[in-house]
Amino acid sequence: MAALRVEAVLAAAEEQEAEKRRSITVEKELELEYDLGNLLAMDRNPPPAAALRGAGPRREELLRALARDNTQLLVSQLWELPAERAGGAGGPLVAQLPEPTFRLPREKPPPKPRPPTRWEQFARLKGIRRKKKTSLVWDEQAKEWRRRWGYKRAGGDPSRAWLAEVPAGADPEEDQFARLRREKRERVARNELNRLRNLARAHRAGKDTVPAAPLHPTGHQDRDELRRVARVARVSTASLGRFQPRLPKEPAEPPSRSGGKKRRFEPLLGNLAAERSRQLELLRDMGSKKPVLDITRAVNKQMRQEEAEAAAANKGKKQSKRGKRGRRQQRPGRSGKKSGG
């Protein structure tokens, strides 16, 4: 029994090996047309029409076998292409695909070209080409790459050079080094003036809101400005100043970014009975014909109206008294004028 079992196992192994060999070698009456650039294989052999007419499991098996055979032929063609190891000797084997020969149709139409902008049209008309300057240039004096602008730029400071070129039309007796140093001082002063103007402009614009500049450019800060700066510094953290230590006279409530009052909203999930009562009260007020009376507001309005009427009455009495006093003073004058006449 053991000998029979061993023979059966060996026979099954031989059959599996033979099946693997048969699966690798595929025979076709007509050779397939290959486009390895697109990984495409076209089979011109007619399918067995009699076997494919039915709609049973036999049809699915035949279609799968046909697809497997054609895929095996395509893979065999790929293994014949020149290949190399990617990333060294231990890397994967990569095949070099040839150029595709079959034009595959597009799924969607090609995108339309973007219409040129007005600047692009003007540049094309004038022949202007966009050139991007690099930040580093070669310095012939220092024999190294340096920045194009700023500190330690290429060419160095012209006022510190050992040679200065006299421009055309300049006074030959003028000291060119002194002229370069004077121009540099003027540029530095102009830049500093512009910087202070920008700071002052930002300070004026931020008086009503949070200031853009942290401090006044002159260094003289008033109490309100220091308070705004402290508020901005506090809310600049990730927690908006909630866990920052407070100053001795600073309020416990963390300030907002805008410095105004923080709006409070009712929670979405909470006391449903209170929310139901508020909604019912609102519907009751909307459905009732009697207007809702705010007693405090009505009393204040009535008091202001009475004060305004009393002030108007007192003003009228004062004007009438002034008019009577003026007429009394004018009577002796009139009689005197008559007697004098």
Foldseek 3Di string as FASTA:
>chain_A
DVVVVVVVVVVVVVVVVVVVVVLLDDDDPDDWDDFQQVLDTHDPDDDDPVQCPDDDVSNVVSVVSVVSSRNSVSVVVQVPADWDAPPDPPHDIDGDHDHGDDDDDDPDDDDDDDDDDPVVVVCVVVVNDDDDDDQWDAAPVVRDIAGCDDDPHHPPQQLPDPDDDDDPPDDPVDDVSVVSVVVVVVVVVVVVVVVLVVQVVQQVVPPQWQGPDLARPVPDDDPVSVVSSVLQVQLPDPVGNLPPDDDPPDDNDRADRGRDDDDDDDDPDDDPVVVVVVVVVVVVQVPDPDHDDDVVVVVVVVVVVVVVVVVVVVVVVVVVVVVVVVVVVCVVVVVVVVVVD
